Amino acid sequence: MKKEMIVPVSPPQKRERAAFRVVGLGTDCSFAKTGAIPALWQSFFARESDVIGVVPGTAYGVCCMGDEAGNFRYIAGVEASASTSGMEQIDLPSHHYAVFTHSGHISDLPKTVYTIWNKVMPDLGLQAAQAPDFERYDHRFNGQTGRGEMEIWIPIVS
């Protein structure tokens, strides 16, 4: 464990979420290489008005197709009721989640995520389920300044 990456993280809330679809743009990443994500969000917001059947008010960053080496697919998008040509979609199943809150600047998010996966989840005895996890951005987060609160939803075995 990298001690310089550990930051204070409040215990999670446990919540249930019904199945939903996220439509957006995606890129391949790894835990060590997430530099493409900010540009992906900019590209997505330039095309957000193309999304069909948007559920307004919330954006999602979905991490899916992860492997043991730390590689994953990241999709920046919004909840939508339909597919949109030229965009990716992922259907997230109904699940139980551990929901963590990140407060502050988005540049500190990697430390929060590292702490959740490497300290908080093991310390609380929480086991991640084999399903996508996601970031949830609502009115509490200011995309212009990169500051505010956002949530990290990790599916757990209940």
C-alpha atoms as a PDB file:
ATOM      1  CA  MET A   1       0.000   0.000   0.000  1.00  0.00           C
ATOM      2  CA  LYS A   2       1.274   3.481  -0.897  1.00  0.00           C
ATOM      3  CA  LYS A   3       0.952   5.522   2.310  1.00  0.00           C
ATOM      4  CA  GLU A   4       1.191   8.837   0.419  1.00  0.00           C
ATOM      5  CA  MET A   5      -2.022   7.909  -1.404  1.00  0.00           C
ATOM      6  CA  ILE A   6      -4.081   7.314   1.757  1.00  0.00           C
ATOM      7  CA  VAL A   7      -6.459  10.175   2.615  1.00  0.00           C
ATOM      8  CA  PRO A   8      -9.356  10.511   5.083  1.00  0.00           C
ATOM      9  CA  VAL A   9     -12.533   8.917   3.682  1.00  0.00           C
ATOM     10  CA  SER A  10     -15.829   8.763   5.548  1.00  0.00           C
ATOM     11  CA  PRO A  11     -17.522   5.375   5.879  1.00  0.00           C
ATOM     12  CA  PRO A  12     -19.906   4.619   3.025  1.00  0.00           C
ATOM     13  CA  GLN A  13     -23.647   4.569   2.977  1.00  0.00           C
ATOM     14  CA  LYS A  14     -25.168   1.329   1.764  1.00  0.00           C
ATOM     15  CA  ARG A  15     -27.765   1.875  -0.951  1.00  0.00           C
ATOM     16  CA  GLU A  16     -29.689  -0.060  -3.532  1.00  0.00           C
ATOM     17  CA  ARG A  17     -29.966   1.166  -7.107  1.00  0.00           C
ATOM     18  CA  ALA A  18     -32.332  -0.071  -9.800  1.00  0.00           C
ATOM     19  CA  ALA A  19     -30.927  -0.975 -13.200  1.00  0.00           C
ATOM     20  CA  PHE A  20     -30.173   1.937 -15.538  1.00  0.00           C
ATOM     21  CA  ARG A  21     -28.391   2.788 -18.781  1.00  0.00           C
ATOM     22  CA  VAL A  22     -25.538   5.241 -19.276  1.00  0.00           C
ATOM     23  CA  VAL A  23     -24.868   6.612 -22.766  1.00  0.00           C
ATOM     24  CA  GLY A  24     -21.682   8.509 -23.541  1.00  0.00           C
ATOM     25  CA  LEU A  25     -18.130   8.272 -24.813  1.00  0.00           C
ATOM     26  CA  GLY A  26     -15.500   5.809 -23.620  1.00  0.00           C
ATOM     27  CA  THR A  27     -11.774   5.244 -23.455  1.00  0.00           C
ATOM     28  CA  ASP A  28      -9.443   2.521 -22.243  1.00  0.00           C
ATOM     29  CA  CYS A  29      -7.524   3.363 -19.053  1.00  0.00           C
ATOM     30  CA  SER A  30      -5.560   1.804 -16.231  1.00  0.00           C
ATOM     31  CA  PHE A  31      -5.258   2.743 -12.593  1.00  0.00           C
ATOM     32  CA  ALA A  32      -1.806   4.136 -13.398  1.00  0.00           C
ATOM     33  CA  LYS A  33      -2.936   6.015 -16.527  1.00  0.00           C
ATOM     34  CA  THR A  34      -6.114   8.058 -16.205  1.00  0.00           C
ATOM     35  CA  GLY A  35      -4.897  11.176 -18.006  1.00  0.00           C
ATOM     36  CA  ALA A  36      -7.312  10.726 -20.918  1.00  0.00           C
ATOM     37  CA  ILE A  37     -10.393  11.065 -18.705  1.00  0.00           C
ATOM     38  CA  PRO A  38     -10.602  14.902 -18.482  1.00  0.00           C
ATOM     39  CA  ALA A  39     -10.419  15.234 -22.299  1.00  0.00           C
ATOM     40  CA  LEU A  40     -13.040  12.484 -22.627  1.00  0.00           C
ATOM     41  CA  TRP A  41     -15.429  14.530 -20.457  1.00  0.00           C
ATOM     42  CA  GLN A  42     -14.817  17.605 -22.619  1.00  0.00           C
ATOM     43  CA  SER A  43     -15.554  15.580 -25.765  1.00  0.00           C
ATOM     44  CA  PHE A  44     -18.689  14.144 -24.214  1.00  0.00           C
ATOM     45  CA  PHE A  45     -20.060  17.532 -23.066  1.00  0.00           C
ATOM     46  CA  ALA A  46     -19.565  18.862 -26.598  1.00  0.00           C
ATOM     47  CA  ARG A  47     -21.919  16.078 -27.792  1.00  0.00           C
ATOM     48  CA  GLU A  48     -24.220  15.674 -24.789  1.00  0.00           C
ATOM     49  CA  SER A  49     -27.138  17.269 -26.652  1.00  0.00           C
ATOM     50  CA  ASP A  50     -26.999  14.331 -29.125  1.00  0.00           C
ATOM     51  CA  VAL A  51     -28.026  11.834 -26.424  1.00  0.00           C
ATOM     52  CA  ILE A  52     -31.573  10.531 -26.849  1.00  0.00           C
ATOM     53  CA  GLY A  53     -33.876  10.210 -23.816  1.00  0.00           C
ATOM     54  CA  VAL A  54     -31.614  11.894 -21.251  1.00  0.00           C
ATOM     55  CA  VAL A  55     -32.543  11.746 -17.584  1.00  0.00           C
ATOM     56  CA  PRO A  56     -31.435  15.298 -16.648  1.00  0.00           C
ATOM     57  CA  GLY A  57     -29.414  16.491 -13.692  1.00  0.00           C
ATOM     58  CA  THR A  58     -26.737  13.854 -13.262  1.00  0.00           C
ATOM     59  CA  ALA A  59     -23.617  12.719 -15.121  1.00  0.00           C
ATOM     60  CA  TYR A  60     -21.825   9.404 -14.632  1.00  0.00           C
ATOM     61  CA  GLY A  61     -18.293   8.124 -15.031  1.00  0.00           C
ATOM     62  CA  VAL A  62     -18.578   4.343 -15.351  1.00  0.00           C
ATOM     63  CA  CYS A  63     -15.628   1.997 -14.812  1.00  0.00           C
ATOM     64  CA  CYS A  64     -16.228  -1.355 -16.445  1.00  0.00           C
ATOM     65  CA  MET A  65     -14.447  -4.323 -18.027  1.00  0.00           C
ATOM     66  CA  GLY A  66     -11.692  -4.203 -15.402  1.00  0.00           C
ATOM     67  CA  ASP A  67      -8.968  -6.812 -15.256  1.00  0.00           C
ATOM     68  CA  GLU A  68      -6.414  -8.008 -12.703  1.00  0.00           C
ATOM     69  CA  ALA A  69      -3.710  -5.783 -14.248  1.00  0.00           C
ATOM     70  CA  GLY A  70      -5.718  -2.633 -13.423  1.00  0.00           C
ATOM     71  CA  ASN A  71      -6.979  -1.918 -16.941  1.00  0.00           C
ATOM     72  CA  PHE A  72     -10.572  -0.799 -17.426  1.00  0.00           C
ATOM     73  CA  ARG A  73     -12.970   0.977 -19.768  1.00  0.00           C
ATOM     74  CA  TYR A  74     -14.167   4.411 -18.618  1.00  0.00           C
ATOM     75  CA  ILE A  75     -17.416   5.829 -20.006  1.00  0.00           C
ATOM     76  CA  ALA A  76     -18.306   9.487 -19.433  1.00  0.00           C
ATOM     77  CA  GLY A  77     -22.029   9.958 -19.938  1.00  0.00           C
ATOM     78  CA  VAL A  78     -25.543  10.498 -18.704  1.00  0.00           C
ATOM     79  CA  GLU A  79     -28.451   8.264 -17.822  1.00  0.00           C
ATOM     80  CA  ALA A  80     -30.622   7.764 -20.897  1.00  0.00           C
ATOM     81  CA  SER A  81     -33.592   5.661 -21.915  1.00  0.00           C
ATOM     82  CA  ALA A  82     -32.355   4.903 -25.448  1.00  0.00           C
ATOM     83  CA  SER A  83     -29.218   4.207 -27.450  1.00  0.00           C
ATOM     84  CA  THR A  84     -27.572   7.043 -29.377  1.00  0.00           C
ATOM     85  CA  SER A  85     -25.757   6.498 -32.649  1.00  0.00           C
ATOM     86  CA  GLY A  86     -22.017   7.123 -32.380  1.00  0.00           C
ATOM     87  CA  MET A  87     -21.950   6.714 -28.602  1.00  0.00           C
ATOM     88  CA  GLU A  88     -21.328   3.838 -26.249  1.00  0.00           C
ATOM     89  CA  GLN A  89     -23.882   2.542 -23.821  1.00  0.00           C
ATOM     90  CA  ILE A  90     -23.666   0.384 -20.773  1.00  0.00           C
ATOM     91  CA  ASP A  91     -26.570  -1.162 -18.923  1.00  0.00           C
ATOM     92  CA  LEU A  92     -25.866  -1.284 -15.212  1.00  0.00           C
ATOM     93  CA  PRO A  93     -27.763  -3.977 -13.312  1.00  0.00           C
ATOM     94  CA  SER A  94     -29.778  -3.484 -10.155  1.00  0.00           C
ATOM     95  CA  HIS A  95     -27.349  -3.819  -7.250  1.00  0.00           C
ATOM     96  CA  HIS A  96     -26.395  -3.095  -3.645  1.00  0.00           C
ATOM     97  CA  TYR A  97     -23.682  -0.433  -3.407  1.00  0.00           C
ATOM     98  CA  ALA A  98     -21.263   1.086  -0.958  1.00  0.00           C
ATOM     99  CA  VAL A  99     -21.541   4.823  -1.698  1.00  0.00           C
ATOM    100  CA  PHE A 100     -18.607   7.061  -0.816  1.00  0.00           C
ATOM    101  CA  THR A 101     -18.486  10.863  -1.059  1.00  0.00           C
ATOM    102  CA  HIS A 102     -15.475  12.710  -2.462  1.00  0.00           C
ATOM    103  CA  SER A 103     -15.285  16.373  -1.431  1.00  0.00           C
ATOM    104  CA  GLY A 104     -12.863  18.928  -2.790  1.00  0.00           C
ATOM    105  CA  HIS A 105     -11.080  19.192  -6.117  1.00  0.00           C
ATOM    106  CA  ILE A 106     -11.417  16.497  -8.761  1.00  0.00           C
ATOM    107  CA  SER A 107      -7.603  16.251  -8.990  1.00  0.00           C
ATOM    108  CA  ASP A 108      -7.673  14.583  -5.550  1.00  0.00           C
ATOM    109  CA  LEU A 109     -10.107  11.882  -6.701  1.00  0.00           C
ATOM    110  CA  PRO A 110      -7.361   9.302  -7.448  1.00  0.00           C
ATOM    111  CA  LYS A 111      -6.279   9.385  -3.794  1.00  0.00           C
ATOM    112  CA  THR A 112      -9.858   8.957  -2.593  1.00  0.00           C
ATOM    113  CA  VAL A 113     -10.376   6.007  -4.947  1.00  0.00           C
ATOM    114  CA  TYR A 114      -7.061   4.442  -3.921  1.00  0.00           C
ATOM    115  CA  THR A 115      -7.996   4.761  -0.240  1.00  0.00           C
ATOM    116  CA  ILE A 116     -11.445   3.249  -0.811  1.00  0.00           C
ATOM    117  CA  TRP A 117     -10.136   0.174  -2.632  1.00  0.00           C
ATOM    118  CA  ASN A 118      -6.954  -0.403  -0.604  1.00  0.00           C
ATOM    119  CA  LYS A 119      -7.966   0.603   2.921  1.00  0.00           C
ATOM    120  CA  VAL A 120     -11.631   1.355   3.589  1.00  0.00           C
ATOM    121  CA  MET A 121     -13.226  -1.572   1.744  1.00  0.00           C
ATOM    122  CA  PRO A 122     -10.846  -4.166   3.300  1.00  0.00           C
ATOM    123  CA  ASP A 123     -11.037  -2.544   6.769  1.00  0.00           C
ATOM    124  CA  LEU A 124     -14.863  -2.707   6.672  1.00  0.00           C
ATOM    125  CA  GLY A 125     -14.889  -6.252   5.285  1.00  0.00           C
ATOM    126  CA  LEU A 126     -16.722  -5.124   2.141  1.00  0.00           C
ATOM    127  CA  GLN A 127     -16.326  -7.318  -0.921  1.00  0.00           C
ATOM    128  CA  ALA A 128     -16.782  -5.757  -4.350  1.00  0.00           C
ATOM    129  CA  ALA A 129     -19.181  -7.557  -6.667  1.00  0.00           C
ATOM    130  CA  GLN A 130     -18.352  -8.337 -10.295  1.00  0.00           C
ATOM    131  CA  ALA A 131     -20.201  -5.381 -11.802  1.00  0.00           C
ATOM    132  CA  PRO A 132     -19.299  -1.871 -13.000  1.00  0.00           C
ATOM    133  CA  ASP A 133     -18.680   0.851 -10.441  1.00  0.00           C
ATOM    134  CA  PHE A 134     -19.384   4.490 -11.172  1.00  0.00           C
ATOM    135  CA  GLU A 135     -18.922   8.108 -10.229  1.00  0.00           C
ATOM    136  CA  ARG A 136     -22.097  10.174  -9.863  1.00  0.00           C
ATOM    137  CA  TYR A 137     -21.967  13.932 -10.463  1.00  0.00           C
ATOM    138  CA  ASP A 138     -24.992  16.091  -9.591  1.00  0.00           C
ATOM    139  CA  HIS A 139     -25.702  19.710  -8.561  1.00  0.00           C
ATOM    140  CA  ARG A 140     -23.148  19.483  -5.722  1.00  0.00           C
ATOM    141  CA  PHE A 141     -20.251  19.324  -8.203  1.00  0.00           C
ATOM    142  CA  ASN A 142     -19.118  22.319 -10.287  1.00  0.00           C
ATOM    143  CA  GLY A 143     -17.653  21.118 -13.571  1.00  0.00           C
ATOM    144  CA  GLN A 144     -16.255  24.589 -14.306  1.00  0.00           C
ATOM    145  CA  THR A 145     -14.105  24.744 -11.163  1.00  0.00           C
ATOM    146  CA  GLY A 146     -13.634  20.992 -10.656  1.00  0.00           C
ATOM    147  CA  ARG A 147     -14.727  21.415  -7.043  1.00  0.00           C
ATOM    148  CA  GLY A 148     -17.569  20.144  -4.944  1.00  0.00           C
ATOM    149  CA  GLU A 149     -18.947  16.774  -3.948  1.00  0.00           C
ATOM    150  CA  MET A 150     -19.465  13.685  -6.037  1.00  0.00           C
ATOM    151  CA  GLU A 151     -20.242  10.081  -5.172  1.00  0.00           C
ATOM    152  CA  ILE A 152     -18.384   6.862  -5.882  1.00  0.00           C
ATOM    153  CA  TRP A 153     -20.729   3.855  -6.103  1.00  0.00           C
ATOM    154  CA  ILE A 154     -19.071   0.447  -5.697  1.00  0.00           C
ATOM    155  CA  PRO A 155     -21.225  -2.674  -6.111  1.00  0.00           C
ATOM    156  CA  ILE A 156     -20.880  -4.966  -3.119  1.00  0.00           C
ATOM    157  CA  VAL A 157     -21.673  -8.552  -2.277  1.00  0.00           C
ATOM    158  CA  SER A 158     -24.487  -8.373   0.254  1.00  0.00           C
END
